[in-house]
Amino acid sequence: MNAVRERFAARTVRVKAPGKVNVSLDVGPLRPDGYHSVASVYLAVSLYEEVAATSTGTGAITVSISPASTLDLEGSDIPLDERNLAYKAAAIMADVSEHSTGVHLEITKRVPVAGGMGGGSADAAATLLACDALWNSGLSRDELAHLAAELGADVPFSLLGGTAVGLGIGDELSPALVKAQTDWVLVTAGFGLPTPEVYRTLDRLRAAERLPVQEPTAVDPGVLTALRNGDADALSRVLVNDLQRASIELAPGLRDTLGLGESCGAIAGIVSGSGPTVAFLAHGPAAAAGLAEELRHHGLDALAVHGPVHGARIISDTLL
């Protein structure tokens, strides 16, 4: 028995995967299937989730959460069972792997929970890659991306990283060649905004206006041009997020945060995805660091990041 247990607990594979900022997000009307079509530009930024997958002899999937020192998880109520996206990712990998074992997933969270940056999706992407290595599944990146799409629209992008255009419900990804760096300051909130509630609020606001809403079919090419050129000023003029007003409707204080950031020197600010994280654009790393410090003096949780960065990547593979 001890030999079997030792065999199952022989390895830990540690993977990190990035959160993202929606540099642009156009949202279509509510579809009959309950979803919304989107046209978005995703940018992977240097704020990473980390998953350590350790093989066990129990045959079960277990999950634990350990917040990084920069993230307060009090009241976040993250599920540790089959409702957790990383748990679902491990279950999918177990189904397609010939030599799966039990696995314990230790998730180190740095991306805000329910913050509009795809932290849960990053956990799932990291888990797919970690379990693939742990169980020697031998799946290609394309095969992993196919499994990722079953878990949610943001999971394939966290696996891919870099910059990408997302169409459909966000799952139709086209990588965009962007090498130039842009610098941002993320301001996190002490609460989350459930994405479905933000979309419902947008639908309600639009219904009250009784104006036609078009299906988005492409992103503004000016966004990609500005990113490719690393032109923060040009990018500031084309930032758009259709969900922003719904997020502000649910959390009016976001309007004050946006105003404060711009008064402190940000080129522009935008709610990231469904919020409530706010992303401020800055002129280079030094300006981003200075802006983050200034916002912290005003009592906000602010962190300087940059993008684009790579997607999910193995950082260690350890025999125990």
C-alpha atoms as a PDB file:
ATOM      1  CA  MET A   1       0.000   0.000   0.000  1.00  0.00           C
ATOM      2  CA  ASN A   2       2.793   2.420   0.881  1.00  0.00           C
ATOM      3  CA  ALA A   3       4.476   1.734  -2.449  1.00  0.00           C
ATOM      4  CA  VAL A   4       1.239   2.476  -4.327  1.00  0.00           C
ATOM      5  CA  ARG A   5       0.657   5.636  -2.344  1.00  0.00           C
ATOM      6  CA  GLU A   6       4.226   6.749  -2.988  1.00  0.00           C
ATOM      7  CA  ARG A   7       3.727   6.130  -6.701  1.00  0.00           C
ATOM      8  CA  PHE A   8       0.601   8.276  -6.832  1.00  0.00           C
ATOM      9  CA  ALA A   9       2.153  11.116  -4.841  1.00  0.00           C
ATOM     10  CA  ALA A  10       5.350  11.112  -6.850  1.00  0.00           C
ATOM     11  CA  ARG A  11       5.016  14.406  -8.763  1.00  0.00           C
ATOM     12  CA  THR A  12       3.882  17.985  -8.551  1.00  0.00           C
ATOM     13  CA  VAL A  13       3.524  20.026 -11.728  1.00  0.00           C
ATOM     14  CA  ARG A  14       3.261  23.762 -11.202  1.00  0.00           C
ATOM     15  CA  VAL A  15       1.791  25.995 -13.923  1.00  0.00           C
ATOM     16  CA  LYS A  16       1.104  29.705 -14.132  1.00  0.00           C
ATOM     17  CA  ALA A  17      -1.480  31.333 -16.404  1.00  0.00           C
ATOM     18  CA  PRO A  18      -2.253  35.028 -16.927  1.00  0.00           C
ATOM     19  CA  GLY A  19      -5.277  37.165 -16.284  1.00  0.00           C
ATOM     20  CA  LYS A  20      -6.520  39.377 -19.090  1.00  0.00           C
ATOM     21  CA  VAL A  21      -7.790  42.838 -19.881  1.00  0.00           C
ATOM     22  CA  ASN A  22     -10.434  43.391 -22.542  1.00  0.00           C
ATOM     23  CA  VAL A  23      -8.875  46.277 -24.451  1.00  0.00           C
ATOM     24  CA  SER A  24     -12.100  46.499 -26.419  1.00  0.00           C
ATOM     25  CA  LEU A  25     -15.424  44.751 -25.880  1.00  0.00           C
ATOM     26  CA  ASP A  26     -18.442  45.181 -28.132  1.00  0.00           C
ATOM     27  CA  VAL A  27     -21.523  43.271 -26.978  1.00  0.00           C
ATOM     28  CA  GLY A  28     -24.442  42.321 -29.191  1.00  0.00           C
ATOM     29  CA  PRO A  29     -28.106  41.868 -28.220  1.00  0.00           C
ATOM     30  CA  LEU A  30     -29.348  38.939 -26.140  1.00  0.00           C
ATOM     31  CA  ARG A  31     -29.594  35.882 -28.395  1.00  0.00           C
ATOM     32  CA  PRO A  32     -32.349  33.236 -28.269  1.00  0.00           C
ATOM     33  CA  ASP A  33     -29.856  30.797 -26.719  1.00  0.00           C
ATOM     34  CA  GLY A  34     -29.293  33.170 -23.791  1.00  0.00           C
ATOM     35  CA  TYR A  35     -25.816  34.256 -24.857  1.00  0.00           C
ATOM     36  CA  HIS A  36     -24.464  37.496 -26.338  1.00  0.00           C
ATOM     37  CA  SER A  37     -22.221  37.729 -29.366  1.00  0.00           C
ATOM     38  CA  VAL A  38     -19.084  39.784 -28.710  1.00  0.00           C
ATOM     39  CA  ALA A  39     -16.179  41.276 -30.599  1.00  0.00           C
ATOM     40  CA  SER A  40     -13.263  41.779 -28.267  1.00  0.00           C
ATOM     41  CA  VAL A  41      -9.512  42.253 -28.134  1.00  0.00           C
ATOM     42  CA  TYR A  42      -7.989  40.272 -25.273  1.00  0.00           C
ATOM     43  CA  LEU A  43      -4.631  41.226 -23.791  1.00  0.00           C
ATOM     44  CA  ALA A  44      -2.867  38.840 -21.411  1.00  0.00           C
ATOM     45  CA  VAL A  45      -1.194  40.812 -18.612  1.00  0.00           C
ATOM     46  CA  SER A  46       1.510  40.083 -16.064  1.00  0.00           C
ATOM     47  CA  LEU A  47      -0.747  39.059 -13.200  1.00  0.00           C
ATOM     48  CA  TYR A  48      -0.683  35.290 -12.931  1.00  0.00           C
ATOM     49  CA  GLU A  49      -2.690  32.564 -11.302  1.00  0.00           C
ATOM     50  CA  GLU A  50      -0.651  29.538 -10.232  1.00  0.00           C
ATOM     51  CA  VAL A  51      -1.834  25.942  -9.954  1.00  0.00           C
ATOM     52  CA  ALA A  52       0.212  23.143  -8.374  1.00  0.00           C
ATOM     53  CA  ALA A  53      -1.200  19.752  -9.389  1.00  0.00           C
ATOM     54  CA  THR A  54      -0.016  16.875  -7.190  1.00  0.00           C
ATOM     55  CA  SER A  55      -0.850  13.260  -7.978  1.00  0.00           C
ATOM     56  CA  THR A  56      -2.534  11.329  -5.159  1.00  0.00           C
ATOM     57  CA  GLY A  57      -3.611   7.756  -4.541  1.00  0.00           C
ATOM     58  CA  THR A  58      -7.152   8.616  -3.525  1.00  0.00           C
ATOM     59  CA  GLY A  59      -8.634   8.687  -7.019  1.00  0.00           C
ATOM     60  CA  ALA A  60     -10.371  11.958  -6.140  1.00  0.00           C
ATOM     61  CA  ILE A  61      -9.998  15.568  -7.261  1.00  0.00           C
ATOM     62  CA  THR A  62      -9.460  18.000  -4.399  1.00  0.00           C
ATOM     63  CA  VAL A  63      -8.918  21.760  -4.453  1.00  0.00           C
ATOM     64  CA  SER A  64      -7.412  24.242  -2.021  1.00  0.00           C
ATOM     65  CA  ILE A  65      -6.942  27.996  -2.330  1.00  0.00           C
ATOM     66  CA  SER A  66      -4.022  30.037  -1.016  1.00  0.00           C
ATOM     67  CA  PRO A  67      -4.244  33.762  -1.770  1.00  0.00           C
ATOM     68  CA  ALA A  68      -1.123  35.684  -2.655  1.00  0.00           C
ATOM     69  CA  SER A  69      -0.206  38.457  -0.234  1.00  0.00           C
ATOM     70  CA  THR A  70      -1.543  41.013  -2.720  1.00  0.00           C
ATOM     71  CA  LEU A  71      -5.073  39.581  -2.812  1.00  0.00           C
ATOM     72  CA  ASP A  72      -7.727  39.550  -0.089  1.00  0.00           C
ATOM     73  CA  LEU A  73     -10.116  36.619  -0.531  1.00  0.00           C
ATOM     74  CA  GLU A  74     -12.267  37.330   2.518  1.00  0.00           C
ATOM     75  CA  GLY A  75     -15.913  36.868   1.589  1.00  0.00           C
ATOM     76  CA  SER A  76     -15.125  35.636  -1.933  1.00  0.00           C
ATOM     77  CA  ASP A  77     -16.755  32.227  -1.291  1.00  0.00           C
ATOM     78  CA  ILE A  78     -14.796  30.295  -3.940  1.00  0.00           C
ATOM     79  CA  PRO A  79     -16.253  26.777  -4.337  1.00  0.00           C
ATOM     80  CA  LEU A  80     -13.822  23.905  -3.811  1.00  0.00           C
ATOM     81  CA  ASP A  81     -16.002  21.188  -5.360  1.00  0.00           C
ATOM     82  CA  GLU A  82     -17.215  20.350  -8.870  1.00  0.00           C
ATOM     83  CA  ARG A  83     -18.478  23.933  -9.273  1.00  0.00           C
ATOM     84  CA  ASN A  84     -14.869  25.149  -9.375  1.00  0.00           C
ATOM     85  CA  LEU A  85     -13.596  25.648 -12.927  1.00  0.00           C
ATOM     86  CA  ALA A  86     -10.201  24.134 -12.133  1.00  0.00           C
ATOM     87  CA  TYR A  87     -11.940  21.060 -10.707  1.00  0.00           C
ATOM     88  CA  LYS A  88     -13.922  20.769 -13.951  1.00  0.00           C
ATOM     89  CA  ALA A  89     -10.705  21.071 -15.959  1.00  0.00           C
ATOM     90  CA  ALA A  90      -9.092  18.231 -13.993  1.00  0.00           C
ATOM     91  CA  ALA A  91     -12.204  16.085 -14.452  1.00  0.00           C
ATOM     92  CA  ILE A  92     -12.123  16.616 -18.228  1.00  0.00           C
ATOM     93  CA  MET A  93      -8.430  15.708 -18.340  1.00  0.00           C
ATOM     94  CA  ALA A  94      -9.064  12.578 -16.255  1.00  0.00           C
ATOM     95  CA  ASP A  95     -11.692  11.493 -18.787  1.00  0.00           C
ATOM     96  CA  VAL A  96      -9.301  11.763 -21.744  1.00  0.00           C
ATOM     97  CA  SER A  97      -6.121  10.502 -20.022  1.00  0.00           C
ATOM     98  CA  GLU A  98      -5.265   6.801 -19.943  1.00  0.00           C
ATOM     99  CA  HIS A  99      -3.104   7.041 -16.839  1.00  0.00           C
ATOM    100  CA  SER A 100      -4.941   9.524 -14.649  1.00  0.00           C
ATOM    101  CA  THR A 101      -4.684   9.393 -10.867  1.00  0.00           C
ATOM    102  CA  GLY A 102      -6.245  11.344  -8.079  1.00  0.00           C
ATOM    103  CA  VAL A 103      -5.018  14.917  -8.002  1.00  0.00           C
ATOM    104  CA  HIS A 104      -4.851  17.769  -5.525  1.00  0.00           C
ATOM    105  CA  LEU A 105      -4.972  21.254  -7.001  1.00  0.00           C
ATOM    106  CA  GLU A 106      -3.434  24.009  -4.913  1.00  0.00           C
ATOM    107  CA  ILE A 107      -4.409  27.341  -6.465  1.00  0.00           C
ATOM    108  CA  THR A 108      -2.467  30.493  -5.622  1.00  0.00           C
ATOM    109  CA  LYS A 109      -4.741  33.370  -6.545  1.00  0.00           C
ATOM    110  CA  ARG A 110      -3.466  36.763  -7.633  1.00  0.00           C
ATOM    111  CA  VAL A 111      -6.148  37.751 -10.153  1.00  0.00           C
ATOM    112  CA  PRO A 112      -9.181  39.332  -8.439  1.00  0.00           C
ATOM    113  CA  VAL A 113     -12.139  36.990  -7.910  1.00  0.00           C
ATOM    114  CA  ALA A 114     -15.178  37.945 -10.042  1.00  0.00           C
ATOM    115  CA  GLY A 115     -13.133  40.961 -11.140  1.00  0.00           C
ATOM    116  CA  GLY A 116     -13.564  40.816 -14.917  1.00  0.00           C
ATOM    117  CA  MET A 117     -10.029  39.541 -15.560  1.00  0.00           C
ATOM    118  CA  GLY A 118     -10.665  35.837 -16.120  1.00  0.00           C
ATOM    119  CA  GLY A 119      -8.977  34.532 -12.973  1.00  0.00           C
ATOM    120  CA  GLY A 120     -11.106  31.384 -12.812  1.00  0.00           C
ATOM    121  CA  SER A 121     -10.443  30.772 -16.490  1.00  0.00           C
ATOM    122  CA  ALA A 122      -6.700  31.109 -15.851  1.00  0.00           C
ATOM    123  CA  ASP A 123      -7.007  28.476 -13.102  1.00  0.00           C
ATOM    124  CA  ALA A 124      -8.735  26.136 -15.545  1.00  0.00           C
ATOM    125  CA  ALA A 125      -6.148  26.709 -18.283  1.00  0.00           C
ATOM    126  CA  ALA A 126      -3.300  26.093 -15.837  1.00  0.00           C
ATOM    127  CA  THR A 127      -5.003  22.912 -14.603  1.00  0.00           C
ATOM    128  CA  LEU A 128      -5.415  21.527 -18.129  1.00  0.00           C
ATOM    129  CA  LEU A 129      -1.711  21.985 -18.839  1.00  0.00           C
ATOM    130  CA  ALA A 130      -0.630  20.704 -15.410  1.00  0.00           C
ATOM    131  CA  CYS A 131      -2.741  17.530 -15.597  1.00  0.00           C
ATOM    132  CA  ASP A 132      -1.625  16.881 -19.176  1.00  0.00           C
ATOM    133  CA  ALA A 133       1.977  16.864 -17.958  1.00  0.00           C
ATOM    134  CA  LEU A 134       1.223  15.049 -14.707  1.00  0.00           C
ATOM    135  CA  TRP A 135      -0.534  12.169 -16.453  1.00  0.00           C
ATOM    136  CA  ASN A 136       1.612  12.165 -19.609  1.00  0.00           C
ATOM    137  CA  SER A 137      -1.517  12.607 -21.699  1.00  0.00           C
ATOM    138  CA  GLY A 138       0.459  13.858 -24.691  1.00  0.00           C
ATOM    139  CA  LEU A 139      -2.209  16.269 -25.922  1.00  0.00           C
ATOM    140  CA  SER A 140      -1.224  19.007 -28.329  1.00  0.00           C
ATOM    141  CA  ARG A 141      -1.914  22.678 -27.597  1.00  0.00           C
ATOM    142  CA  ASP A 142      -4.734  22.552 -30.147  1.00  0.00           C
ATOM    143  CA  GLU A 143      -6.287  19.565 -28.390  1.00  0.00           C
ATOM    144  CA  LEU A 144      -5.978  21.321 -25.034  1.00  0.00           C
ATOM    145  CA  ALA A 145      -7.564  24.434 -26.546  1.00  0.00           C
ATOM    146  CA  HIS A 146     -10.514  22.332 -27.732  1.00  0.00           C
ATOM    147  CA  LEU A 147     -11.033  21.050 -24.185  1.00  0.00           C
ATOM    148  CA  ALA A 148     -10.581  24.587 -22.860  1.00  0.00           C
ATOM    149  CA  ALA A 149     -13.447  25.822 -25.036  1.00  0.00           C
ATOM    150  CA  GLU A 150     -15.764  23.342 -23.291  1.00  0.00           C
ATOM    151  CA  LEU A 151     -15.042  25.095 -19.985  1.00  0.00           C
ATOM    152  CA  GLY A 152     -15.766  28.699 -20.988  1.00  0.00           C
ATOM    153  CA  ALA A 153     -15.021  31.417 -23.489  1.00  0.00           C
ATOM    154  CA  ASP A 154     -12.020  32.868 -21.618  1.00  0.00           C
ATOM    155  CA  VAL A 155     -10.220  29.565 -20.934  1.00  0.00           C
ATOM    156  CA  PRO A 156      -8.724  29.074 -24.425  1.00  0.00           C
ATOM    157  CA  PHE A 157      -7.293  32.590 -24.341  1.00  0.00           C
ATOM    158  CA  SER A 158      -5.584  32.066 -20.992  1.00  0.00           C
ATOM    159  CA  LEU A 159      -4.038  28.942 -22.468  1.00  0.00           C
ATOM    160  CA  LEU A 160      -2.926  30.908 -25.537  1.00  0.00           C
ATOM    161  CA  GLY A 161      -1.913  34.235 -23.959  1.00  0.00           C
ATOM    162  CA  GLY A 162      -0.526  37.163 -25.934  1.00  0.00           C
ATOM    163  CA  THR A 163      -3.153  39.183 -27.774  1.00  0.00           C
ATOM    164  CA  ALA A 164      -6.180  37.795 -29.583  1.00  0.00           C
ATOM    165  CA  VAL A 165      -9.433  38.795 -31.208  1.00  0.00           C
ATOM    166  CA  GLY A 166     -12.453  37.007 -29.778  1.00  0.00           C
ATOM    167  CA  LEU A 167     -15.695  36.647 -31.735  1.00  0.00           C
ATOM    168  CA  GLY A 168     -18.815  34.524 -31.299  1.00  0.00           C
ATOM    169  CA  ILE A 169     -19.330  34.285 -27.547  1.00  0.00           C
ATOM    170  CA  GLY A 170     -15.630  35.038 -27.169  1.00  0.00           C
ATOM    171  CA  ASP A 171     -14.529  31.510 -27.974  1.00  0.00           C
ATOM    172  CA  GLU A 172     -13.661  32.075 -31.646  1.00  0.00           C
ATOM    173  CA  LEU A 173     -10.076  33.182 -31.107  1.00  0.00           C
ATOM    174  CA  SER A 174      -7.683  34.597 -33.671  1.00  0.00           C
ATOM    175  CA  PRO A 175      -4.177  35.368 -32.359  1.00  0.00           C
ATOM    176  CA  ALA A 176      -2.960  38.874 -33.146  1.00  0.00           C
ATOM    177  CA  LEU A 177       0.742  39.489 -33.650  1.00  0.00           C
ATOM    178  CA  VAL A 178       1.545  42.133 -31.040  1.00  0.00           C
ATOM    179  CA  LYS A 179       5.090  42.430 -29.695  1.00  0.00           C
ATOM    180  CA  ALA A 180       5.068  45.997 -28.408  1.00  0.00           C
ATOM    181  CA  GLN A 181       4.449  46.382 -24.671  1.00  0.00           C
ATOM    182  CA  THR A 182       1.700  48.487 -23.158  1.00  0.00           C
ATOM    183  CA  ASP A 183       1.662  49.377 -19.479  1.00  0.00           C
ATOM    184  CA  TRP A 184      -1.356  49.389 -17.201  1.00  0.00           C
ATOM    185  CA  VAL A 185      -2.386  49.935 -13.618  1.00  0.00           C
ATOM    186  CA  LEU A 186      -5.065  47.635 -12.272  1.00  0.00           C
ATOM    187  CA  VAL A 187      -7.288  48.867  -9.450  1.00  0.00           C
ATOM    188  CA  THR A 188      -9.051  46.005  -7.732  1.00  0.00           C
ATOM    189  CA  ALA A 189     -12.212  46.207  -5.664  1.00  0.00           C
ATOM    190  CA  GLY A 190     -13.074  44.548  -2.371  1.00  0.00           C
ATOM    191  CA  PHE A 191     -16.091  42.888  -3.999  1.00  0.00           C
ATOM    192  CA  GLY A 192     -17.002  40.997  -7.148  1.00  0.00           C
ATOM    193  CA  LEU A 193     -19.560  41.499  -9.890  1.00  0.00           C
ATOM    194  CA  PRO A 194     -21.070  38.261 -11.235  1.00  0.00           C
ATOM    195  CA  THR A 195     -20.747  38.325 -15.009  1.00  0.00           C
ATOM    196  CA  PRO A 196     -24.324  37.104 -15.705  1.00  0.00           C
ATOM    197  CA  GLU A 197     -25.714  39.918 -13.559  1.00  0.00           C
ATOM    198  CA  VAL A 198     -23.697  42.512 -15.468  1.00  0.00           C
ATOM    199  CA  TYR A 199     -25.004  41.218 -18.790  1.00  0.00           C
ATOM    200  CA  ARG A 200     -28.585  41.223 -17.481  1.00  0.00           C
ATOM    201  CA  THR A 201     -28.143  44.811 -16.361  1.00  0.00           C
ATOM    202  CA  LEU A 202     -26.857  45.806 -19.795  1.00  0.00           C
ATOM    203  CA  ASP A 203     -29.897  44.166 -21.401  1.00  0.00           C
ATOM    204  CA  ARG A 204     -32.184  46.061 -19.021  1.00  0.00           C
ATOM    205  CA  LEU A 205     -30.516  49.414 -19.754  1.00  0.00           C
ATOM    206  CA  ARG A 206     -30.726  48.806 -23.485  1.00  0.00           C
ATOM    207  CA  ALA A 207     -34.381  47.747 -23.290  1.00  0.00           C
ATOM    208  CA  ALA A 208     -35.218  51.006 -21.533  1.00  0.00           C
ATOM    209  CA  GLU A 209     -33.565  52.963 -24.360  1.00  0.00           C
ATOM    210  CA  ARG A 210     -35.418  51.027 -27.095  1.00  0.00           C
ATOM    211  CA  LEU A 211     -32.567  51.562 -29.508  1.00  0.00           C
ATOM    212  CA  PRO A 212     -31.438  48.893 -32.001  1.00  0.00           C
ATOM    213  CA  VAL A 213     -28.316  46.955 -31.035  1.00  0.00           C
ATOM    214  CA  GLN A 214     -26.186  45.500 -33.807  1.00  0.00           C
ATOM    215  CA  GLU A 215     -24.501  42.110 -33.790  1.00  0.00           C
ATOM    216  CA  PRO A 216     -20.733  42.725 -33.593  1.00  0.00           C
ATOM    217  CA  THR A 217     -18.791  41.044 -36.385  1.00  0.00           C
ATOM    218  CA  ALA A 218     -15.317  42.576 -36.110  1.00  0.00           C
ATOM    219  CA  VAL A 219     -13.158  44.650 -33.797  1.00  0.00           C
ATOM    220  CA  ASP A 220     -12.012  48.184 -34.499  1.00  0.00           C
ATOM    221  CA  PRO A 221      -8.761  47.782 -36.503  1.00  0.00           C
ATOM    222  CA  GLY A 222      -7.469  50.898 -34.772  1.00  0.00           C
ATOM    223  CA  VAL A 223      -7.196  48.921 -31.525  1.00  0.00           C
ATOM    224  CA  LEU A 224      -4.863  46.347 -33.057  1.00  0.00           C
ATOM    225  CA  THR A 225      -2.847  49.027 -34.870  1.00  0.00           C
ATOM    226  CA  ALA A 226      -2.305  50.947 -31.639  1.00  0.00           C
ATOM    227  CA  LEU A 227      -1.293  47.771 -29.789  1.00  0.00           C
ATOM    228  CA  ARG A 228       1.127  46.707 -32.519  1.00  0.00           C
ATOM    229  CA  ASN A 229       2.738  50.144 -32.466  1.00  0.00           C
ATOM    230  CA  GLY A 230       2.801  50.340 -28.679  1.00  0.00           C
ATOM    231  CA  ASP A 231       1.061  53.705 -29.114  1.00  0.00           C
ATOM    232  CA  ALA A 232      -0.652  54.350 -25.788  1.00  0.00           C
ATOM    233  CA  ASP A 233      -2.084  57.695 -26.891  1.00  0.00           C
ATOM    234  CA  ALA A 234      -3.743  56.174 -29.960  1.00  0.00           C
ATOM    235  CA  LEU A 235      -4.963  53.237 -27.886  1.00  0.00           C
ATOM    236  CA  SER A 236      -6.538  55.568 -25.336  1.00  0.00           C
ATOM    237  CA  ARG A 237      -8.814  56.946 -28.053  1.00  0.00           C
ATOM    238  CA  VAL A 238     -10.226  53.552 -29.054  1.00  0.00           C
ATOM    239  CA  LEU A 239     -10.733  51.833 -25.685  1.00  0.00           C
ATOM    240  CA  VAL A 240     -14.333  50.659 -25.430  1.00  0.00           C
ATOM    241  CA  ASN A 241     -16.313  48.359 -23.153  1.00  0.00           C
ATOM    242  CA  ASP A 242     -20.055  48.000 -23.679  1.00  0.00           C
ATOM    243  CA  LEU A 243     -20.350  46.367 -20.246  1.00  0.00           C
ATOM    244  CA  GLN A 244     -18.823  49.352 -18.454  1.00  0.00           C
ATOM    245  CA  ARG A 245     -22.052  51.268 -17.941  1.00  0.00           C
ATOM    246  CA  ALA A 246     -23.762  48.157 -16.574  1.00  0.00           C
ATOM    247  CA  SER A 247     -20.889  47.636 -14.132  1.00  0.00           C
ATOM    248  CA  ILE A 248     -21.170  51.262 -13.019  1.00  0.00           C
ATOM    249  CA  GLU A 249     -24.928  50.875 -12.651  1.00  0.00           C
ATOM    250  CA  LEU A 250     -24.308  48.004 -10.226  1.00  0.00           C
ATOM    251  CA  ALA A 251     -21.294  49.620  -8.538  1.00  0.00           C
ATOM    252  CA  PRO A 252     -21.534  53.435  -8.868  1.00  0.00           C
ATOM    253  CA  GLY A 253     -18.239  53.924  -7.053  1.00  0.00           C
ATOM    254  CA  LEU A 254     -16.447  52.739 -10.181  1.00  0.00           C
ATOM    255  CA  ARG A 255     -17.203  56.113 -11.749  1.00  0.00           C
ATOM    256  CA  ASP A 256     -15.229  57.817  -8.963  1.00  0.00           C
ATOM    257  CA  THR A 257     -12.350  55.358  -9.395  1.00  0.00           C
ATOM    258  CA  LEU A 258     -12.179  56.088 -13.125  1.00  0.00           C
ATOM    259  CA  GLY A 259     -12.187  59.828 -12.485  1.00  0.00           C
ATOM    260  CA  LEU A 260      -9.529  59.605  -9.797  1.00  0.00           C
ATOM    261  CA  GLY A 261      -7.201  57.565 -11.996  1.00  0.00           C
ATOM    262  CA  GLU A 262      -7.376  60.042 -14.826  1.00  0.00           C
ATOM    263  CA  SER A 263      -6.870  62.967 -12.453  1.00  0.00           C
ATOM    264  CA  CYS A 264      -3.743  61.214 -11.157  1.00  0.00           C
ATOM    265  CA  GLY A 265      -2.211  61.010 -14.619  1.00  0.00           C
ATOM    266  CA  ALA A 266      -3.640  57.954 -16.387  1.00  0.00           C
ATOM    267  CA  ILE A 267      -3.988  58.398 -20.133  1.00  0.00           C
ATOM    268  CA  ALA A 268      -7.328  56.618 -20.004  1.00  0.00           C
ATOM    269  CA  GLY A 269      -9.232  54.161 -17.864  1.00  0.00           C
ATOM    270  CA  ILE A 270     -11.646  51.350 -18.592  1.00  0.00           C
ATOM    271  CA  VAL A 271     -13.557  48.762 -16.593  1.00  0.00           C
ATOM    272  CA  SER A 272     -12.017  45.378 -17.387  1.00  0.00           C
ATOM    273  CA  GLY A 273     -14.595  42.998 -18.831  1.00  0.00           C
ATOM    274  CA  SER A 274     -17.585  42.738 -16.512  1.00  0.00           C
ATOM    275  CA  GLY A 275     -15.680  44.531 -13.731  1.00  0.00           C
ATOM    276  CA  PRO A 276     -15.209  45.676 -11.094  1.00  0.00           C
ATOM    277  CA  THR A 277     -11.453  45.768 -11.770  1.00  0.00           C
ATOM    278  CA  VAL A 278     -10.466  49.018 -13.485  1.00  0.00           C
ATOM    279  CA  ALA A 279      -7.522  49.168 -15.905  1.00  0.00           C
ATOM    280  CA  PHE A 280      -5.662  52.437 -16.425  1.00  0.00           C
ATOM    281  CA  LEU A 281      -3.356  52.970 -19.388  1.00  0.00           C
ATOM    282  CA  ALA A 282       0.014  54.605 -18.718  1.00  0.00           C
ATOM    283  CA  HIS A 283       2.998  55.955 -20.684  1.00  0.00           C
ATOM    284  CA  GLY A 284       5.545  53.244 -19.956  1.00  0.00           C
ATOM    285  CA  PRO A 285       6.620  51.228 -16.898  1.00  0.00           C
ATOM    286  CA  ALA A 286       7.842  54.188 -14.837  1.00  0.00           C
ATOM    287  CA  ALA A 287       4.601  56.091 -15.342  1.00  0.00           C
ATOM    288  CA  ALA A 288       2.594  52.989 -14.428  1.00  0.00           C
ATOM    289  CA  ALA A 289       4.610  52.479 -11.240  1.00  0.00           C
ATOM    290  CA  GLY A 290       4.143  56.134 -10.272  1.00  0.00           C
ATOM    291  CA  LEU A 291       0.414  56.033 -10.982  1.00  0.00           C
ATOM    292  CA  ALA A 292      -0.019  52.862  -8.923  1.00  0.00           C
ATOM    293  CA  GLU A 293       1.794  54.471  -6.000  1.00  0.00           C
ATOM    294  CA  GLU A 294      -0.331  57.609  -6.250  1.00  0.00           C
ATOM    295  CA  LEU A 295      -3.552  55.588  -6.289  1.00  0.00           C
ATOM    296  CA  ARG A 296      -2.407  53.599  -3.277  1.00  0.00           C
ATOM    297  CA  HIS A 297      -1.921  56.898  -1.439  1.00  0.00           C
ATOM    298  CA  HIS A 298      -5.626  57.492  -2.109  1.00  0.00           C
ATOM    299  CA  GLY A 299      -6.470  54.190  -0.431  1.00  0.00           C
ATOM    300  CA  LEU A 300      -6.961  52.071  -3.545  1.00  0.00           C
ATOM    301  CA  ASP A 301      -5.473  48.643  -4.220  1.00  0.00           C
ATOM    302  CA  ALA A 302      -3.402  49.333  -7.329  1.00  0.00           C
ATOM    303  CA  LEU A 303      -0.850  47.237  -9.194  1.00  0.00           C
ATOM    304  CA  ALA A 304       1.290  48.041 -12.241  1.00  0.00           C
ATOM    305  CA  VAL A 305       1.277  45.344 -14.951  1.00  0.00           C
ATOM    306  CA  HIS A 306       2.173  45.029 -18.615  1.00  0.00           C
ATOM    307  CA  GLY A 307       1.111  43.051 -21.638  1.00  0.00           C
ATOM    308  CA  PRO A 308       1.141  41.062 -23.755  1.00  0.00           C
ATOM    309  CA  VAL A 309       2.570  38.064 -21.879  1.00  0.00           C
ATOM    310  CA  HIS A 310       2.682  34.354 -22.650  1.00  0.00           C
ATOM    311  CA  GLY A 311      -0.175  31.987 -21.885  1.00  0.00           C
ATOM    312  CA  ALA A 312      -0.218  29.024 -19.502  1.00  0.00           C
ATOM    313  CA  ARG A 313       3.274  27.654 -18.942  1.00  0.00           C
ATOM    314  CA  ILE A 314       4.860  24.946 -16.790  1.00  0.00           C
ATOM    315  CA  ILE A 315       7.234  26.513 -14.268  1.00  0.00           C
ATOM    316  CA  SER A 316       8.281  23.357 -12.389  1.00  0.00           C
ATOM    317  CA  ASP A 317       7.878  19.592 -12.507  1.00  0.00           C
ATOM    318  CA  THR A 318       9.042  18.031  -9.279  1.00  0.00           C
ATOM    319  CA  LEU A 319       9.484  14.426  -8.164  1.00  0.00           C
ATOM    320  CA  LEU A 320       8.511  14.159  -4.502  1.00  0.00           C
END
